[in-house]
All heavy atoms as atom14 arrays in JSON, in Angstrom:
{
  "sequence": "VGVSGKDAGLLKCKKKTAGGKDIGYVGEIVETNVDLINTLI",
  "atom14_mask": [
    [1, 1, 1, 1, 1, 1, 1, 0, 0, 0, 0, 0, 0, 0],
    [1, 1, 1, 1, 0, 0, 0, 0, 0, 0, 0, 0, 0, 0],
    [1, 1, 1, 1, 1, 1, 1, 0, 0, 0, 0, 0, 0, 0],
    [1, 1, 1, 1, 1, 1, 0, 0, 0, 0, 0, 0, 0, 0],
    [1, 1, 1, 1, 0, 0, 0, 0, 0, 0, 0, 0, 0, 0],
    [1, 1, 1, 1, 1, 1, 1, 1, 1, 0, 0, 0, 0, 0],
    [1, 1, 1, 1, 1, 1, 1, 1, 0, 0, 0, 0, 0, 0],
    [1, 1, 1, 1, 1, 0, 0, 0, 0, 0, 0, 0, 0, 0],
    [1, 1, 1, 1, 0, 0, 0, 0, 0, 0, 0, 0, 0, 0],
    [1, 1, 1, 1, 1, 1, 1, 1, 0, 0, 0, 0, 0, 0],
    [1, 1, 1, 1, 1, 1, 1, 1, 0, 0, 0, 0, 0, 0],
    [1, 1, 1, 1, 1, 1, 1, 1, 1, 0, 0, 0, 0, 0],
    [1, 1, 1, 1, 1, 1, 0, 0, 0, 0, 0, 0, 0, 0],
    [1, 1, 1, 1, 1, 1, 1, 1, 1, 0, 0, 0, 0, 0],
    [1, 1, 1, 1, 1, 1, 1, 1, 1, 0, 0, 0, 0, 0],
    [1, 1, 1, 1, 1, 1, 1, 1, 1, 0, 0, 0, 0, 0],
    [1, 1, 1, 1, 1, 1, 1, 0, 0, 0, 0, 0, 0, 0],
    [1, 1, 1, 1, 1, 0, 0, 0, 0, 0, 0, 0, 0, 0],
    [1, 1, 1, 1, 0, 0, 0, 0, 0, 0, 0, 0, 0, 0],
    [1, 1, 1, 1, 0, 0, 0, 0, 0, 0, 0, 0, 0, 0],
    [1, 1, 1, 1, 1, 1, 1, 1, 1, 0, 0, 0, 0, 0],
    [1, 1, 1, 1, 1, 1, 1, 1, 0, 0, 0, 0, 0, 0],
    [1, 1, 1, 1, 1, 1, 1, 1, 0, 0, 0, 0, 0, 0],
    [1, 1, 1, 1, 0, 0, 0, 0, 0, 0, 0, 0, 0, 0],
    [1, 1, 1, 1, 1, 1, 1, 1, 1, 1, 1, 1, 0, 0],
    [1, 1, 1, 1, 1, 1, 1, 0, 0, 0, 0, 0, 0, 0],
    [1, 1, 1, 1, 0, 0, 0, 0, 0, 0, 0, 0, 0, 0],
    [1, 1, 1, 1, 1, 1, 1, 1, 1, 0, 0, 0, 0, 0],
    [1, 1, 1, 1, 1, 1, 1, 1, 0, 0, 0, 0, 0, 0],
    [1, 1, 1, 1, 1, 1, 1, 0, 0, 0, 0, 0, 0, 0],
    [1, 1, 1, 1, 1, 1, 1, 1, 1, 0, 0, 0, 0, 0],
    [1, 1, 1, 1, 1, 1, 1, 0, 0, 0, 0, 0, 0, 0],
    [1, 1, 1, 1, 1, 1, 1, 1, 0, 0, 0, 0, 0, 0],
    [1, 1, 1, 1, 1, 1, 1, 0, 0, 0, 0, 0, 0, 0],
    [1, 1, 1, 1, 1, 1, 1, 1, 0, 0, 0, 0, 0, 0],
    [1, 1, 1, 1, 1, 1, 1, 1, 0, 0, 0, 0, 0, 0],
    [1, 1, 1, 1, 1, 1, 1, 1, 0, 0, 0, 0, 0, 0],
    [1, 1, 1, 1, 1, 1, 1, 1, 0, 0, 0, 0, 0, 0],
    [1, 1, 1, 1, 1, 1, 1, 0, 0, 0, 0, 0, 0, 0],
    [1, 1, 1, 1, 1, 1, 1, 1, 0, 0, 0, 0, 0, 0],
    [1, 1, 1, 1, 1, 1, 1, 1, 0, 0, 0, 0, 0, 0]
  ],
  "atom14_positions": [
    [[5.9, 11.92, 12.62], [6.86, 11.24, 11.74], [6.18, 10.92, 10.42], [5.11, 10.3, 10.4], [7.38, 9.94, 12.38], [8.29, 9.2, 11.4], [8.12, 10.23, 13.67], [0.0, 0.0, 0.0], [0.0, 0.0, 0.0], [0.0, 0.0, 0.0], [0.0, 0.0, 0.0], [0.0, 0.0, 0.0], [0.0, 0.0, 0.0], [0.0, 0.0, 0.0]],
    [[6.8, 11.35, 9.32], [6.24, 11.07, 8.0], [6.71, 9.73, 7.48], [7.9, 9.41, 7.54], [0.0, 0.0, 0.0], [0.0, 0.0, 0.0], [0.0, 0.0, 0.0], [0.0, 0.0, 0.0], [0.0, 0.0, 0.0], [0.0, 0.0, 0.0], [0.0, 0.0, 0.0], [0.0, 0.0, 0.0], [0.0, 0.0, 0.0], [0.0, 0.0, 0.0]],
    [[5.79, 8.93, 7.0], [6.12, 7.63, 6.41], [5.31, 7.46, 5.13], [4.34, 8.18, 4.89], [5.81, 6.46, 7.37], [6.6, 6.59, 8.66], [4.31, 6.37, 7.68], [0.0, 0.0, 0.0], [0.0, 0.0, 0.0], [0.0, 0.0, 0.0], [0.0, 0.0, 0.0], [0.0, 0.0, 0.0], [0.0, 0.0, 0.0], [0.0, 0.0, 0.0]],
    [[5.69, 6.5, 4.32], [4.88, 6.12, 3.17], [4.49, 4.67, 3.33], [5.01, 3.96, 4.2], [5.64, 6.33, 1.86], [6.47, 5.21, 1.56], [0.0, 0.0, 0.0], [0.0, 0.0, 0.0], [0.0, 0.0, 0.0], [0.0, 0.0, 0.0], [0.0, 0.0, 0.0], [0.0, 0.0, 0.0], [0.0, 0.0, 0.0], [0.0, 0.0, 0.0]],
    [[3.58, 4.22, 2.48], [3.14, 2.85, 2.55], [4.22, 1.84, 2.21], [4.06, 0.64, 2.44], [0.0, 0.0, 0.0], [0.0, 0.0, 0.0], [0.0, 0.0, 0.0], [0.0, 0.0, 0.0], [0.0, 0.0, 0.0], [0.0, 0.0, 0.0], [0.0, 0.0, 0.0], [0.0, 0.0, 0.0], [0.0, 0.0, 0.0], [0.0, 0.0, 0.0]],
    [[5.36, 2.33, 1.69], [6.48, 1.45, 1.39], [7.28, 1.1, 2.64], [7.96, 0.08, 2.67], [7.42, 2.1, 0.37], [6.79, 2.35, -0.99], [7.83, 2.78, -2.01], [8.41, 4.15, -1.68], [9.39, 4.58, -2.7], [0.0, 0.0, 0.0], [0.0, 0.0, 0.0], [0.0, 0.0, 0.0], [0.0, 0.0, 0.0], [0.0, 0.0, 0.0]],
    [[7.22, 1.95, 3.65], [8.03, 1.77, 4.85], [7.57, 0.56, 5.67], [6.38, 0.45, 6.02], [7.99, 3.03, 5.72], [8.63, 4.22, 5.04], [9.64, 4.03, 4.34], [8.11, 5.34, 5.2], [0.0, 0.0, 0.0], [0.0, 0.0, 0.0], [0.0, 0.0, 0.0], [0.0, 0.0, 0.0], [0.0, 0.0, 0.0], [0.0, 0.0, 0.0]],
    [[8.5, -0.32, 5.98], [8.25, -1.49, 6.82], [7.09, -2.34, 6.31], [6.37, -2.96, 7.1], [8.0, -1.07, 8.27], [0.0, 0.0, 0.0], [0.0, 0.0, 0.0], [0.0, 0.0, 0.0], [0.0, 0.0, 0.0], [0.0, 0.0, 0.0], [0.0, 0.0, 0.0], [0.0, 0.0, 0.0], [0.0, 0.0, 0.0], [0.0, 0.0, 0.0]],
    [[6.89, -2.34, 4.99], [5.83, -3.16, 4.41], [4.43, -2.76, 4.83], [3.53, -3.6, 4.91], [0.0, 0.0, 0.0], [0.0, 0.0, 0.0], [0.0, 0.0, 0.0], [0.0, 0.0, 0.0], [0.0, 0.0, 0.0], [0.0, 0.0, 0.0], [0.0, 0.0, 0.0], [0.0, 0.0, 0.0], [0.0, 0.0, 0.0], [0.0, 0.0, 0.0]],
    [[4.24, -1.46, 5.06], [2.95, -0.97, 5.55], [1.82, -1.31, 4.58], [0.78, -1.84, 4.98], [3.02, 0.55, 5.78], [1.72, 1.28, 6.13], [1.06, 0.69, 7.35], [1.99, 2.77, 6.34], [0.0, 0.0, 0.0], [0.0, 0.0, 0.0], [0.0, 0.0, 0.0], [0.0, 0.0, 0.0], [0.0, 0.0, 0.0], [0.0, 0.0, 0.0]],
    [[1.99, -0.99, 3.3], [0.94, -1.23, 2.31], [1.48, -2.07, 1.16], [2.34, -1.6, 0.4], [0.38, 0.1, 1.77], [-0.26, 1.04, 2.79], [-0.61, 2.36, 2.12], [-1.49, 0.42, 3.43], [0.0, 0.0, 0.0], [0.0, 0.0, 0.0], [0.0, 0.0, 0.0], [0.0, 0.0, 0.0], [0.0, 0.0, 0.0], [0.0, 0.0, 0.0]],
    [[1.0, -3.29, 1.0], [1.36, -4.14, -0.12], [0.2, -4.13, -1.11], [-0.97, -4.24, -0.72], [1.63, -5.57, 0.37], [2.84, -5.69, 1.29], [4.13, -5.51, 0.53], [5.35, -5.75, 1.43], [5.48, -7.16, 1.83], [0.0, 0.0, 0.0], [0.0, 0.0, 0.0], [0.0, 0.0, 0.0], [0.0, 0.0, 0.0], [0.0, 0.0, 0.0]],
    [[0.54, -4.01, -2.39], [-0.49, -3.8, -3.41], [-0.41, -4.81, -4.55], [0.6, -5.46, -4.77], [-0.33, -2.41, -4.04], [-0.16, -1.08, -2.88], [0.0, 0.0, 0.0], [0.0, 0.0, 0.0], [0.0, 0.0, 0.0], [0.0, 0.0, 0.0], [0.0, 0.0, 0.0], [0.0, 0.0, 0.0], [0.0, 0.0, 0.0], [0.0, 0.0, 0.0]],
    [[-1.5, -4.86, -5.27], [-1.51, -5.47, -6.59], [-1.98, -4.41, -7.57], [-2.52, -3.36, -7.16], [-2.43, -6.69, -6.63], [-3.91, -6.38, -6.46], [-4.74, -7.66, -6.56], [-6.24, -7.34, -6.44], [-7.07, -8.57, -6.54], [0.0, 0.0, 0.0], [0.0, 0.0, 0.0], [0.0, 0.0, 0.0], [0.0, 0.0, 0.0], [0.0, 0.0, 0.0]],
    [[-1.79, -4.65, -8.85], [-2.19, -3.67, -9.86], [-3.7, -3.55, -9.91], [-4.42, -4.53, -9.94], [-1.65, -4.08, -11.23], [-1.94, -3.09, -12.34], [-1.46, -3.61, -13.68], [0.03, -3.5, -13.83], [0.46, -2.11, -14.12], [0.0, 0.0, 0.0], [0.0, 0.0, 0.0], [0.0, 0.0, 0.0], [0.0, 0.0, 0.0], [0.0, 0.0, 0.0]],
    [[-4.18, -2.31, -9.89], [-5.61, -2.04, -9.98], [-5.96, -1.71, -11.42], [-5.21, -1.01, -12.1], [-5.97, -0.87, -9.06], [-7.46, -0.64, -8.87], [-7.68, 0.41, -7.78], [-9.14, 0.51, -7.41], [-9.35, 1.42, -6.26], [0.0, 0.0, 0.0], [0.0, 0.0, 0.0], [0.0, 0.0, 0.0], [0.0, 0.0, 0.0], [0.0, 0.0, 0.0]],
    [[-7.09, -2.2, -11.88], [-7.55, -1.9, -13.23], [-8.81, -1.05, -13.18], [-9.46, -0.95, -12.15], [-7.83, -3.18, -14.04], [-8.86, -3.93, -13.36], [-6.58, -4.04, -14.16], [0.0, 0.0, 0.0], [0.0, 0.0, 0.0], [0.0, 0.0, 0.0], [0.0, 0.0, 0.0], [0.0, 0.0, 0.0], [0.0, 0.0, 0.0], [0.0, 0.0, 0.0]],
    [[-9.15, -0.44, -14.3], [-10.36, 0.38, -14.4], [-11.23, -0.2, -15.51], [-10.93, -0.02, -16.69], [-10.01, 1.83, -14.7], [0.0, 0.0, 0.0], [0.0, 0.0, 0.0], [0.0, 0.0, 0.0], [0.0, 0.0, 0.0], [0.0, 0.0, 0.0], [0.0, 0.0, 0.0], [0.0, 0.0, 0.0], [0.0, 0.0, 0.0], [0.0, 0.0, 0.0]],
    [[-12.27, -0.92, -15.12], [-13.13, -1.54, -16.11], [-12.37, -2.53, -16.97], [-12.64, -2.67, -18.16], [0.0, 0.0, 0.0], [0.0, 0.0, 0.0], [0.0, 0.0, 0.0], [0.0, 0.0, 0.0], [0.0, 0.0, 0.0], [0.0, 0.0, 0.0], [0.0, 0.0, 0.0], [0.0, 0.0, 0.0], [0.0, 0.0, 0.0], [0.0, 0.0, 0.0]],
    [[-11.38, -3.2, -16.37], [-10.58, -4.17, -17.11], [-9.4, -3.57, -17.85], [-8.58, -4.29, -18.41], [0.0, 0.0, 0.0], [0.0, 0.0, 0.0], [0.0, 0.0, 0.0], [0.0, 0.0, 0.0], [0.0, 0.0, 0.0], [0.0, 0.0, 0.0], [0.0, 0.0, 0.0], [0.0, 0.0, 0.0], [0.0, 0.0, 0.0], [0.0, 0.0, 0.0]],
    [[-9.28, -2.23, -17.83], [-8.18, -1.56, -18.53], [-6.98, -1.37, -17.62], [-7.12, -1.03, -16.45], [-8.65, -0.2, -19.07], [-9.7, -0.29, -20.16], [-10.05, 1.09, -20.71], [-11.07, 1.01, -21.82], [-11.41, 2.36, -22.35], [0.0, 0.0, 0.0], [0.0, 0.0, 0.0], [0.0, 0.0, 0.0], [0.0, 0.0, 0.0], [0.0, 0.0, 0.0]],
    [[-5.8, -1.57, -18.19], [-4.56, -1.33, -17.47], [-4.35, 0.18, -17.33], [-4.33, 0.91, -18.32], [-3.39, -1.96, -18.24], [-2.08, -1.9, -17.46], [-1.99, -1.09, -16.52], [-1.15, -2.65, -17.81], [0.0, 0.0, 0.0], [0.0, 0.0, 0.0], [0.0, 0.0, 0.0], [0.0, 0.0, 0.0], [0.0, 0.0, 0.0], [0.0, 0.0, 0.0]],
    [[-4.22, 0.67, -16.11], [-4.04, 2.1, -15.87], [-2.67, 2.39, -15.24], [-2.48, 3.42, -14.61], [-5.18, 2.69, -15.02], [-5.38, 1.87, -13.73], [-6.46, 2.77, -15.82], [-6.41, 2.48, -12.79], [0.0, 0.0, 0.0], [0.0, 0.0, 0.0], [0.0, 0.0, 0.0], [0.0, 0.0, 0.0], [0.0, 0.0, 0.0], [0.0, 0.0, 0.0]],
    [[-1.75, 1.45, -15.39], [-0.4, 1.69, -14.92], [-0.2, 1.34, -13.46], [-0.78, 0.39, -12.94], [0.0, 0.0, 0.0], [0.0, 0.0, 0.0], [0.0, 0.0, 0.0], [0.0, 0.0, 0.0], [0.0, 0.0, 0.0], [0.0, 0.0, 0.0], [0.0, 0.0, 0.0], [0.0, 0.0, 0.0], [0.0, 0.0, 0.0], [0.0, 0.0, 0.0]],
    [[0.6, 2.15, -12.81], [1.01, 1.86, -11.43], [0.05, 2.46, -10.41], [0.42, 3.31, -9.6], [2.44, 2.32, -11.22], [3.41, 1.58, -12.1], [3.99, 2.21, -13.21], [3.7, 0.24, -11.87], [4.86, 1.52, -14.04], [4.57, -0.46, -12.71], [5.13, 0.19, -13.78], [5.98, -0.52, -14.61], [0.0, 0.0, 0.0], [0.0, 0.0, 0.0]],
    [[-1.18, 2.0, -10.47], [-2.21, 2.34, -9.49], [-2.45, 1.09, -8.67], [-2.72, 0.02, -9.21], [-3.52, 2.8, -10.17], [-4.59, 3.09, -9.13], [-3.26, 4.03, -11.03], [0.0, 0.0, 0.0], [0.0, 0.0, 0.0], [0.0, 0.0, 0.0], [0.0, 0.0, 0.0], [0.0, 0.0, 0.0], [0.0, 0.0, 0.0], [0.0, 0.0, 0.0]],
    [[-2.33, 1.23, -7.36], [-2.36, 0.05, -6.5], [-3.68, -0.22, -5.81], [-4.38, 0.71, -5.41], [0.0, 0.0, 0.0], [0.0, 0.0, 0.0], [0.0, 0.0, 0.0], [0.0, 0.0, 0.0], [0.0, 0.0, 0.0], [0.0, 0.0, 0.0], [0.0, 0.0, 0.0], [0.0, 0.0, 0.0], [0.0, 0.0, 0.0], [0.0, 0.0, 0.0]],
    [[-3.99, -1.5, -5.68], [-5.11, -1.95, -4.85], [-4.5, -2.68, -3.65], [-3.75, -3.64, -3.81], [-6.01, -2.89, -5.64], [-7.19, -3.41, -4.85], [-8.1, -4.3, -5.66], [-8.1, -4.18, -6.91], [-8.8, -5.13, -5.06], [0.0, 0.0, 0.0], [0.0, 0.0, 0.0], [0.0, 0.0, 0.0], [0.0, 0.0, 0.0], [0.0, 0.0, 0.0]],
    [[-4.8, -2.22, -2.45], [-4.17, -2.76, -1.24], [-4.64, -4.19, -0.98], [-5.84, -4.46, -0.95], [-4.49, -1.88, -0.02], [-3.96, -0.46, -0.25], [-3.87, -2.47, 1.25], [-4.46, 0.55, 0.76], [0.0, 0.0, 0.0], [0.0, 0.0, 0.0], [0.0, 0.0, 0.0], [0.0, 0.0, 0.0], [0.0, 0.0, 0.0], [0.0, 0.0, 0.0]],
    [[-3.68, -5.08, -0.78], [-4.03, -6.48, -0.49], [-3.49, -6.91, 0.87], [-3.9, -7.94, 1.41], [-3.5, -7.43, -1.59], [-4.21, -7.16, -2.9], [-1.99, -7.32, -1.75], [0.0, 0.0, 0.0], [0.0, 0.0, 0.0], [0.0, 0.0, 0.0], [0.0, 0.0, 0.0], [0.0, 0.0, 0.0], [0.0, 0.0, 0.0], [0.0, 0.0, 0.0]],
    [[-2.59, -6.12, 1.43], [-1.99, -6.49, 2.73], [-1.57, -5.23, 3.46], [-0.96, -4.34, 2.88], [-0.79, -7.41, 2.49], [-0.19, -8.01, 3.74], [0.97, -8.95, 3.41], [0.81, -9.79, 2.5], [2.03, -8.81, 4.05], [0.0, 0.0, 0.0], [0.0, 0.0, 0.0], [0.0, 0.0, 0.0], [0.0, 0.0, 0.0], [0.0, 0.0, 0.0]],
    [[-1.91, -5.15, 4.74], [-1.57, -3.98, 5.55], [-0.85, -4.42, 6.82], [-1.39, -5.21, 7.6], [-2.84, -3.19, 5.94], [-3.62, -2.94, 4.77], [-2.48, -1.86, 6.59], [0.0, 0.0, 0.0], [0.0, 0.0, 0.0], [0.0, 0.0, 0.0], [0.0, 0.0, 0.0], [0.0, 0.0, 0.0], [0.0, 0.0, 0.0], [0.0, 0.0, 0.0]],
    [[0.35, -3.92, 7.01], [1.15, -4.26, 8.19], [1.37, -2.98, 9.0], [2.17, -2.12, 8.61], [2.49, -4.86, 7.76], [3.37, -5.23, 8.94], [3.03, -4.97, 10.09], [4.52, -5.81, 8.67], [0.0, 0.0, 0.0], [0.0, 0.0, 0.0], [0.0, 0.0, 0.0], [0.0, 0.0, 0.0], [0.0, 0.0, 0.0], [0.0, 0.0, 0.0]],
    [[0.68, -2.86, 10.13], [0.74, -1.61, 10.9], [1.69, -1.69, 12.09], [1.59, -0.9, 13.03], [-0.67, -1.2, 11.38], [-1.54, -0.73, 10.23], [-1.36, -2.34, 12.13], [0.0, 0.0, 0.0], [0.0, 0.0, 0.0], [0.0, 0.0, 0.0], [0.0, 0.0, 0.0], [0.0, 0.0, 0.0], [0.0, 0.0, 0.0], [0.0, 0.0, 0.0]],
    [[2.63, -2.63, 12.06], [3.6, -2.73, 13.17], [4.35, -1.42, 13.36], [4.54, -0.95, 14.5], [4.6, -3.86, 12.9], [3.98, -5.25, 13.04], [2.84, -5.32, 13.54], [4.62, -6.23, 12.64], [0.0, 0.0, 0.0], [0.0, 0.0, 0.0], [0.0, 0.0, 0.0], [0.0, 0.0, 0.0], [0.0, 0.0, 0.0], [0.0, 0.0, 0.0]],
    [[4.8, -0.82, 12.26], [5.52, 0.45, 12.35], [4.62, 1.54, 12.93], [5.06, 2.32, 13.79], [6.02, 0.87, 10.96], [6.62, 2.29, 10.86], [7.85, 2.42, 11.75], [6.98, 2.61, 9.41], [0.0, 0.0, 0.0], [0.0, 0.0, 0.0], [0.0, 0.0, 0.0], [0.0, 0.0, 0.0], [0.0, 0.0, 0.0], [0.0, 0.0, 0.0]],
    [[3.39, 1.59, 12.48], [2.45, 2.63, 12.96], [2.2, 2.46, 14.45], [2.22, 3.44, 15.22], [1.12, 2.56, 12.18], [1.37, 2.7, 10.67], [0.16, 3.65, 12.66], [2.15, 3.92, 10.28], [0.0, 0.0, 0.0], [0.0, 0.0, 0.0], [0.0, 0.0, 0.0], [0.0, 0.0, 0.0], [0.0, 0.0, 0.0], [0.0, 0.0, 0.0]],
    [[2.01, 1.24, 14.9], [1.8, 1.0, 16.34], [3.03, 1.35, 17.15], [2.92, 1.88, 18.27], [1.42, -0.47, 16.57], [-0.05, -0.73, 16.3], [-0.91, 0.09, 16.63], [-0.36, -1.86, 15.68], [0.0, 0.0, 0.0], [0.0, 0.0, 0.0], [0.0, 0.0, 0.0], [0.0, 0.0, 0.0], [0.0, 0.0, 0.0], [0.0, 0.0, 0.0]],
    [[4.21, 1.09, 16.59], [5.45, 1.45, 17.29], [5.55, 2.96, 17.46], [5.92, 3.46, 18.54], [6.68, 0.93, 16.52], [6.63, -0.5, 16.47], [7.97, 1.36, 17.21], [0.0, 0.0, 0.0], [0.0, 0.0, 0.0], [0.0, 0.0, 0.0], [0.0, 0.0, 0.0], [0.0, 0.0, 0.0], [0.0, 0.0, 0.0], [0.0, 0.0, 0.0]],
    [[5.21, 3.71, 16.41], [5.23, 5.17, 16.5], [4.22, 5.67, 17.52], [4.53, 6.54, 18.35], [4.94, 5.77, 15.13], [6.0, 5.54, 14.04], [5.51, 6.03, 12.69], [7.32, 6.2, 14.41], [0.0, 0.0, 0.0], [0.0, 0.0, 0.0], [0.0, 0.0, 0.0], [0.0, 0.0, 0.0], [0.0, 0.0, 0.0], [0.0, 0.0, 0.0]],
    [[3.02, 5.12, 17.49], [1.98, 5.53, 18.44], [2.42, 5.23, 19.87], [2.28, 6.07, 20.78], [0.65, 4.81, 18.13], [0.08, 5.29, 16.8], [-0.36, 5.06, 19.26], [-1.12, 4.48, 16.32], [0.0, 0.0, 0.0], [0.0, 0.0, 0.0], [0.0, 0.0, 0.0], [0.0, 0.0, 0.0], [0.0, 0.0, 0.0], [0.0, 0.0, 0.0]]
  ]
}
């Protein structure tokens, strides 16, 4: 089953920077919810 980190709150992010520079919508993971993954397994 294909999923993305958006599904069931799997990967929650904050904005990641590069040397203090804004690089747009690049995410740094701050929260991981694997309930969906465990259900699939």
